[in-house]
Amino acid sequence: MTQDANNLIWIDLEMTGLDTLNDRII
């Protein structure tokens, strides 16, 4: 995965809500 893709994922996490997405990532 490229750093750009990683950044997009993190932006998505922040926009959607870190709590919910943290559960999905872990």
PDB file of N, CA and C in Angstrom:
ATOM      1  N   MET A   1       0.841  -1.200   0.000  1.00  0.00           N
ATOM      2  CA  MET A   1       0.000   0.000   0.000  1.00  0.00           C
ATOM      3  C   MET A   1       0.880   1.254   0.000  1.00  0.00           C
ATOM      4  N   THR A   2       0.551   2.204  -0.813  1.00  0.00           N
ATOM      5  CA  THR A   2       1.355   3.424  -0.877  1.00  0.00           C
ATOM      6  C   THR A   2       1.011   4.357   0.279  1.00  0.00           C
ATOM      7  N   GLN A   3       1.891   5.278   0.553  1.00  0.00           N
ATOM      8  CA  GLN A   3       1.625   6.242   1.630  1.00  0.00           C
ATOM      9  C   GLN A   3       0.386   7.071   1.305  1.00  0.00           C
ATOM     10  N   ASP A   4       0.187   7.395   0.037  1.00  0.00           N
ATOM     11  CA  ASP A   4      -0.991   8.171  -0.349  1.00  0.00           C
ATOM     12  C   ASP A   4      -2.267   7.416   0.012  1.00  0.00           C
ATOM     13  N   ALA A   5      -2.305   6.132  -0.291  1.00  0.00           N
ATOM     14  CA  ALA A   5      -3.474   5.323   0.034  1.00  0.00           C
ATOM     15  C   ALA A   5      -3.674   5.287   1.545  1.00  0.00           C
ATOM     16  N   ASN A   6      -2.577   5.152   2.277  1.00  0.00           N
ATOM     17  CA  ASN A   6      -2.656   5.138   3.731  1.00  0.00           C
ATOM     18  C   ASN A   6      -3.228   6.446   4.246  1.00  0.00           C
ATOM     19  N   ASN A   7      -2.784   7.560   3.673  1.00  0.00           N
ATOM     20  CA  ASN A   7      -3.296   8.866   4.097  1.00  0.00           C
ATOM     21  C   ASN A   7      -4.785   8.977   3.817  1.00  0.00           C
ATOM     22  N   LEU A   8      -5.228   8.466   2.679  1.00  0.00           N
ATOM     23  CA  LEU A   8      -6.648   8.511   2.346  1.00  0.00           C
ATOM     24  C   LEU A   8      -7.454   7.712   3.356  1.00  0.00           C
ATOM     25  N   ILE A   9      -6.925   6.570   3.763  1.00  0.00           N
ATOM     26  CA  ILE A   9      -7.609   5.747   4.761  1.00  0.00           C
ATOM     27  C   ILE A   9      -7.749   6.517   6.067  1.00  0.00           C
ATOM     28  N   TRP A  10      -6.667   7.158   6.498  1.00  0.00           N
ATOM     29  CA  TRP A  10      -6.718   7.905   7.759  1.00  0.00           C
ATOM     30  C   TRP A  10      -7.689   9.061   7.672  1.00  0.00           C
ATOM     31  N   ILE A  11      -7.738   9.724   6.509  1.00  0.00           N
ATOM     32  CA  ILE A  11      -8.701  10.816   6.328  1.00  0.00           C
ATOM     33  C   ILE A  11     -10.116  10.256   6.454  1.00  0.00           C
ATOM     34  N   ASP A  12     -10.352   9.101   5.842  1.00  0.00           N
ATOM     35  CA  ASP A  12     -11.658   8.444   5.947  1.00  0.00           C
ATOM     36  C   ASP A  12     -11.987   8.148   7.402  1.00  0.00           C
ATOM     37  N   LEU A  13     -11.001   7.652   8.138  1.00  0.00           N
ATOM     38  CA  LEU A  13     -11.224   7.318   9.538  1.00  0.00           C
ATOM     39  C   LEU A  13     -11.653   8.548  10.308  1.00  0.00           C
ATOM     40  N   GLU A  14     -10.946   9.649  10.117  1.00  0.00           N
ATOM     41  CA  GLU A  14     -11.257  10.865  10.860  1.00  0.00           C
ATOM     42  C   GLU A  14     -12.635  11.387  10.488  1.00  0.00           C
ATOM     43  N   MET A  15     -12.990  11.297   9.218  1.00  0.00           N
ATOM     44  CA  MET A  15     -14.274  11.831   8.764  1.00  0.00           C
ATOM     45  C   MET A  15     -15.435  10.960   9.241  1.00  0.00           C
ATOM     46  N   THR A  16     -15.229   9.655   9.249  1.00  0.00           N
ATOM     47  CA  THR A  16     -16.322   8.749   9.615  1.00  0.00           C
ATOM     48  C   THR A  16     -16.436   8.601  11.124  1.00  0.00           C
ATOM     49  N   GLY A  17     -15.326   8.768  11.820  1.00  0.00           N
ATOM     50  CA  GLY A  17     -15.325   8.599  13.273  1.00  0.00           C
ATOM     51  C   GLY A  17     -14.313   7.545  13.656  1.00  0.00           C
ATOM     52  N   LEU A  18     -13.262   7.962  14.367  1.00  0.00           N
ATOM     53  CA  LEU A  18     -12.167   7.050  14.683  1.00  0.00           C
ATOM     54  C   LEU A  18     -12.643   5.857  15.509  1.00  0.00           C
ATOM     55  N   ASP A  19     -13.589   6.076  16.412  1.00  0.00           N
ATOM     56  CA  ASP A  19     -14.031   4.990  17.291  1.00  0.00           C
ATOM     57  C   ASP A  19     -14.567   3.814  16.475  1.00  0.00           C
ATOM     58  N   THR A  20     -15.459   4.080  15.565  1.00  0.00           N
ATOM     59  CA  THR A  20     -16.074   3.007  14.779  1.00  0.00           C
ATOM     60  C   THR A  20     -15.040   2.304  13.929  1.00  0.00           C
ATOM     61  N   LEU A  21     -14.208   3.080  13.249  1.00  0.00           N
ATOM     62  CA  LEU A  21     -13.256   2.478  12.328  1.00  0.00           C
ATOM     63  C   LEU A  21     -12.128   1.784  13.066  1.00  0.00           C
ATOM     64  N   ASN A  22     -11.778   2.267  14.245  1.00  0.00           N
ATOM     65  CA  ASN A  22     -10.758   1.578  15.031  1.00  0.00           C
ATOM     66  C   ASN A  22     -11.212   0.157  15.341  1.00  0.00           C
ATOM     67  N   ASP A  23     -12.481  -0.026  15.637  1.00  0.00           N
ATOM     68  CA  ASP A  23     -12.997  -1.367  15.906  1.00  0.00           C
ATOM     69  C   ASP A  23     -12.836  -2.242  14.668  1.00  0.00           C
ATOM     70  N   ARG A  24     -13.055  -1.682  13.494  1.00  0.00           N
ATOM     71  CA  ARG A  24     -12.965  -2.464  12.260  1.00  0.00           C
ATOM     72  C   ARG A  24     -11.516  -2.778  11.916  1.00  0.00           C
ATOM     73  N   ILE A  25     -10.613  -1.830  12.196  1.00  0.00           N
ATOM     74  CA  ILE A  25      -9.203  -2.026  11.829  1.00  0.00           C
ATOM     75  C   ILE A  25      -8.560  -3.090  12.712  1.00  0.00           C
ATOM     76  N   ILE A  26      -8.825  -3.018  13.987  1.00  0.00           N
ATOM     77  CA  ILE A  26      -8.160  -3.926  14.932  1.00  0.00           C
ATOM     78  C   ILE A  26      -8.701  -5.346  14.751  1.00  0.00           C
TER      79      ILE A  26
END
